[in-house]
Amino acid sequence: MNIQELANHLEIEESQCLELTELFLKTSSTELTHLESAIGKKDLVTIERMAHSIKGSAVILGLSEIHEAAKKIEIAARENRLMEINRGVLMIREKLGWMAEVLQGKK
């Protein structure tokens, strides 16, 4: 992720883009924690709801890999496919970690 490219894509200033990205990271990390808790409880409704929220936020920011992973989790929750849900969660965690590193370098 290049912050300047993302800012250009969203037609906003780089500082605004950093704020949005930090907000996305914070919110998505919290939602992913709730999703992981729901996996332990096999609460497919909450899994689907959290994945849907992450998916929507990611698409707005043009984060296609996170969007696609969340979409797969959402579908897998409807079909009770926990292994696929776990794979998606790992991928999103990895991407969020990478985003956090990028943002840390911008401060």
C-alpha atoms as a PDB file:
ATOM      1  CA  MET A   1       0.000   0.000   0.000  1.00  0.00           C
ATOM      2  CA  ASN A   2       1.314   3.379  -1.007  1.00  0.00           C
ATOM      3  CA  ILE A   3      -0.381   6.129   1.010  1.00  0.00           C
ATOM      4  CA  GLN A   4       0.088   8.732  -1.731  1.00  0.00           C
ATOM      5  CA  GLU A   5      -1.488   6.469  -4.377  1.00  0.00           C
ATOM      6  CA  LEU A   6      -4.380   5.697  -2.051  1.00  0.00           C
ATOM      7  CA  ALA A   7      -4.852   9.408  -1.319  1.00  0.00           C
ATOM      8  CA  ASN A   8      -4.890  10.145  -5.043  1.00  0.00           C
ATOM      9  CA  HIS A   9      -7.380   7.330  -5.641  1.00  0.00           C
ATOM     10  CA  LEU A  10      -9.674   8.678  -2.914  1.00  0.00           C
ATOM     11  CA  GLU A  11      -9.075  12.274  -4.074  1.00  0.00           C
ATOM     12  CA  ILE A  12      -8.046  13.446  -0.608  1.00  0.00           C
ATOM     13  CA  GLU A  13      -4.930  14.878   1.014  1.00  0.00           C
ATOM     14  CA  GLU A  14      -2.279  12.443   2.223  1.00  0.00           C
ATOM     15  CA  SER A  15      -2.836  13.513   5.851  1.00  0.00           C
ATOM     16  CA  GLN A  16      -6.554  12.729   5.531  1.00  0.00           C
ATOM     17  CA  CYS A  17      -5.699   9.397   3.959  1.00  0.00           C
ATOM     18  CA  LEU A  18      -3.417   8.555   6.878  1.00  0.00           C
ATOM     19  CA  GLU A  19      -6.223   9.356   9.317  1.00  0.00           C
ATOM     20  CA  LEU A  20      -8.703   7.192   7.386  1.00  0.00           C
ATOM     21  CA  THR A  21      -6.229   4.343   7.139  1.00  0.00           C
ATOM     22  CA  GLU A  22      -5.466   4.511  10.870  1.00  0.00           C
ATOM     23  CA  LEU A  23      -9.198   4.494  11.621  1.00  0.00           C
ATOM     24  CA  PHE A  24      -9.687   1.514   9.297  1.00  0.00           C
ATOM     25  CA  LEU A  25      -6.830  -0.337  10.975  1.00  0.00           C
ATOM     26  CA  LYS A  26      -8.173   0.305  14.468  1.00  0.00           C
ATOM     27  CA  THR A  27     -11.783  -0.535  13.602  1.00  0.00           C
ATOM     28  CA  SER A  28     -10.954  -3.591  11.514  1.00  0.00           C
ATOM     29  CA  SER A  29      -8.605  -4.951  14.170  1.00  0.00           C
ATOM     30  CA  THR A  30     -11.403  -4.692  16.735  1.00  0.00           C
ATOM     31  CA  GLU A  31     -13.907  -6.291  14.365  1.00  0.00           C
ATOM     32  CA  LEU A  32     -11.450  -9.063  13.562  1.00  0.00           C
ATOM     33  CA  THR A  33     -10.993  -9.745  17.283  1.00  0.00           C
ATOM     34  CA  HIS A  34     -14.786 -10.046  17.641  1.00  0.00           C
ATOM     35  CA  LEU A  35     -14.840 -12.307  14.592  1.00  0.00           C
ATOM     36  CA  GLU A  36     -12.150 -14.554  16.082  1.00  0.00           C
ATOM     37  CA  SER A  37     -14.097 -14.759  19.328  1.00  0.00           C
ATOM     38  CA  ALA A  38     -17.190 -15.728  17.340  1.00  0.00           C
ATOM     39  CA  ILE A  39     -15.219 -18.496  15.617  1.00  0.00           C
ATOM     40  CA  GLY A  40     -14.503 -20.024  19.019  1.00  0.00           C
ATOM     41  CA  LYS A  41     -18.224 -19.964  19.768  1.00  0.00           C
ATOM     42  CA  LYS A  42     -19.171 -21.102  16.249  1.00  0.00           C
ATOM     43  CA  ASP A  43     -21.363 -17.981  16.080  1.00  0.00           C
ATOM     44  CA  LEU A  44     -21.786 -17.836  12.318  1.00  0.00           C
ATOM     45  CA  VAL A  45     -24.117 -14.821  12.435  1.00  0.00           C
ATOM     46  CA  THR A  46     -21.498 -12.673  14.183  1.00  0.00           C
ATOM     47  CA  ILE A  47     -18.749 -14.002  11.917  1.00  0.00           C
ATOM     48  CA  GLU A  48     -20.763 -13.019   8.859  1.00  0.00           C
ATOM     49  CA  ARG A  49     -21.648  -9.599  10.309  1.00  0.00           C
ATOM     50  CA  MET A  50     -18.046  -8.735  11.235  1.00  0.00           C
ATOM     51  CA  ALA A  51     -16.740  -9.951   7.870  1.00  0.00           C
ATOM     52  CA  HIS A  52     -19.379  -7.853   6.099  1.00  0.00           C
ATOM     53  CA  SER A  53     -18.295  -4.754   8.007  1.00  0.00           C
ATOM     54  CA  ILE A  54     -14.599  -5.300   7.246  1.00  0.00           C
ATOM     55  CA  LYS A  55     -15.450  -5.989   3.607  1.00  0.00           C
ATOM     56  CA  GLY A  56     -17.356  -2.722   3.262  1.00  0.00           C
ATOM     57  CA  SER A  57     -14.646  -0.615   4.846  1.00  0.00           C
ATOM     58  CA  ALA A  58     -11.931  -2.263   2.766  1.00  0.00           C
ATOM     59  CA  VAL A  59     -13.714  -1.706  -0.539  1.00  0.00           C
ATOM     60  CA  ILE A  60     -14.167   1.998   0.226  1.00  0.00           C
ATOM     61  CA  LEU A  61     -10.406   2.343   0.718  1.00  0.00           C
ATOM     62  CA  GLY A  62      -9.599   0.211  -2.318  1.00  0.00           C
ATOM     63  CA  LEU A  63      -7.996  -2.541  -0.218  1.00  0.00           C
ATOM     64  CA  SER A  64      -8.956  -5.330  -2.588  1.00  0.00           C
ATOM     65  CA  GLU A  65      -7.090  -8.196  -0.895  1.00  0.00           C
ATOM     66  CA  ILE A  66      -8.732  -7.508   2.461  1.00  0.00           C
ATOM     67  CA  HIS A  67     -12.084  -6.978   0.735  1.00  0.00           C
ATOM     68  CA  GLU A  68     -11.824 -10.334  -1.062  1.00  0.00           C
ATOM     69  CA  ALA A  69     -10.742 -12.196   2.083  1.00  0.00           C
ATOM     70  CA  ALA A  70     -13.616 -10.702   4.077  1.00  0.00           C
ATOM     71  CA  LYS A  71     -16.030 -11.578   1.276  1.00  0.00           C
ATOM     72  CA  LYS A  72     -14.827 -15.198   1.367  1.00  0.00           C
ATOM     73  CA  ILE A  73     -15.271 -15.271   5.154  1.00  0.00           C
ATOM     74  CA  GLU A  74     -18.783 -13.885   4.807  1.00  0.00           C
ATOM     75  CA  ILE A  75     -19.742 -16.564   2.271  1.00  0.00           C
ATOM     76  CA  ALA A  76     -18.007 -19.314   4.258  1.00  0.00           C
ATOM     77  CA  ALA A  77     -19.956 -18.301   7.377  1.00  0.00           C
ATOM     78  CA  ARG A  78     -23.223 -18.716   5.472  1.00  0.00           C
ATOM     79  CA  GLU A  79     -22.066 -22.186   4.428  1.00  0.00           C
ATOM     80  CA  ASN A  80     -20.579 -23.195   7.822  1.00  0.00           C
ATOM     81  CA  ARG A  81     -17.051 -23.684   6.427  1.00  0.00           C
ATOM     82  CA  LEU A  82     -14.861 -22.893   9.430  1.00  0.00           C
ATOM     83  CA  MET A  83     -11.539 -23.857   7.819  1.00  0.00           C
ATOM     84  CA  GLU A  84     -12.045 -21.292   5.069  1.00  0.00           C
ATOM     85  CA  ILE A  85     -13.052 -18.710   7.664  1.00  0.00           C
ATOM     86  CA  ASN A  86      -9.802 -19.343   9.554  1.00  0.00           C
ATOM     87  CA  ARG A  87      -7.721 -18.962   6.372  1.00  0.00           C
ATOM     88  CA  GLY A  88      -9.391 -15.634   5.630  1.00  0.00           C
ATOM     89  CA  VAL A  89      -8.818 -14.380   9.160  1.00  0.00           C
ATOM     90  CA  LEU A  90      -5.112 -15.226   8.953  1.00  0.00           C
ATOM     91  CA  MET A  91      -4.802 -13.362   5.663  1.00  0.00           C
ATOM     92  CA  ILE A  92      -6.577 -10.274   7.003  1.00  0.00           C
ATOM     93  CA  ARG A  93      -4.459 -10.334  10.192  1.00  0.00           C
ATOM     94  CA  GLU A  94      -1.335 -10.465   8.038  1.00  0.00           C
ATOM     95  CA  LYS A  95      -2.464  -7.526   5.888  1.00  0.00           C
ATOM     96  CA  LEU A  96      -3.476  -5.452   8.917  1.00  0.00           C
ATOM     97  CA  GLY A  97      -0.062  -6.116  10.469  1.00  0.00           C
ATOM     98  CA  TRP A  98       1.629  -4.988   7.295  1.00  0.00           C
ATOM     99  CA  MET A  99      -0.546  -1.848   7.196  1.00  0.00           C
ATOM    100  CA  ALA A 100       0.381  -1.062  10.803  1.00  0.00           C
ATOM    101  CA  GLU A 101       4.071  -1.279   9.899  1.00  0.00           C
ATOM    102  CA  VAL A 102       3.596   1.033   6.915  1.00  0.00           C
ATOM    103  CA  LEU A 103       1.685   3.554   9.017  1.00  0.00           C
ATOM    104  CA  GLN A 104       4.295   3.405  11.776  1.00  0.00           C
ATOM    105  CA  GLY A 105       6.908   4.367   9.203  1.00  0.00           C
ATOM    106  CA  LYS A 106       4.859   7.435   8.256  1.00  0.00           C
ATOM    107  CA  LYS A 107       4.817   8.860  11.793  1.00  0.00           C
END
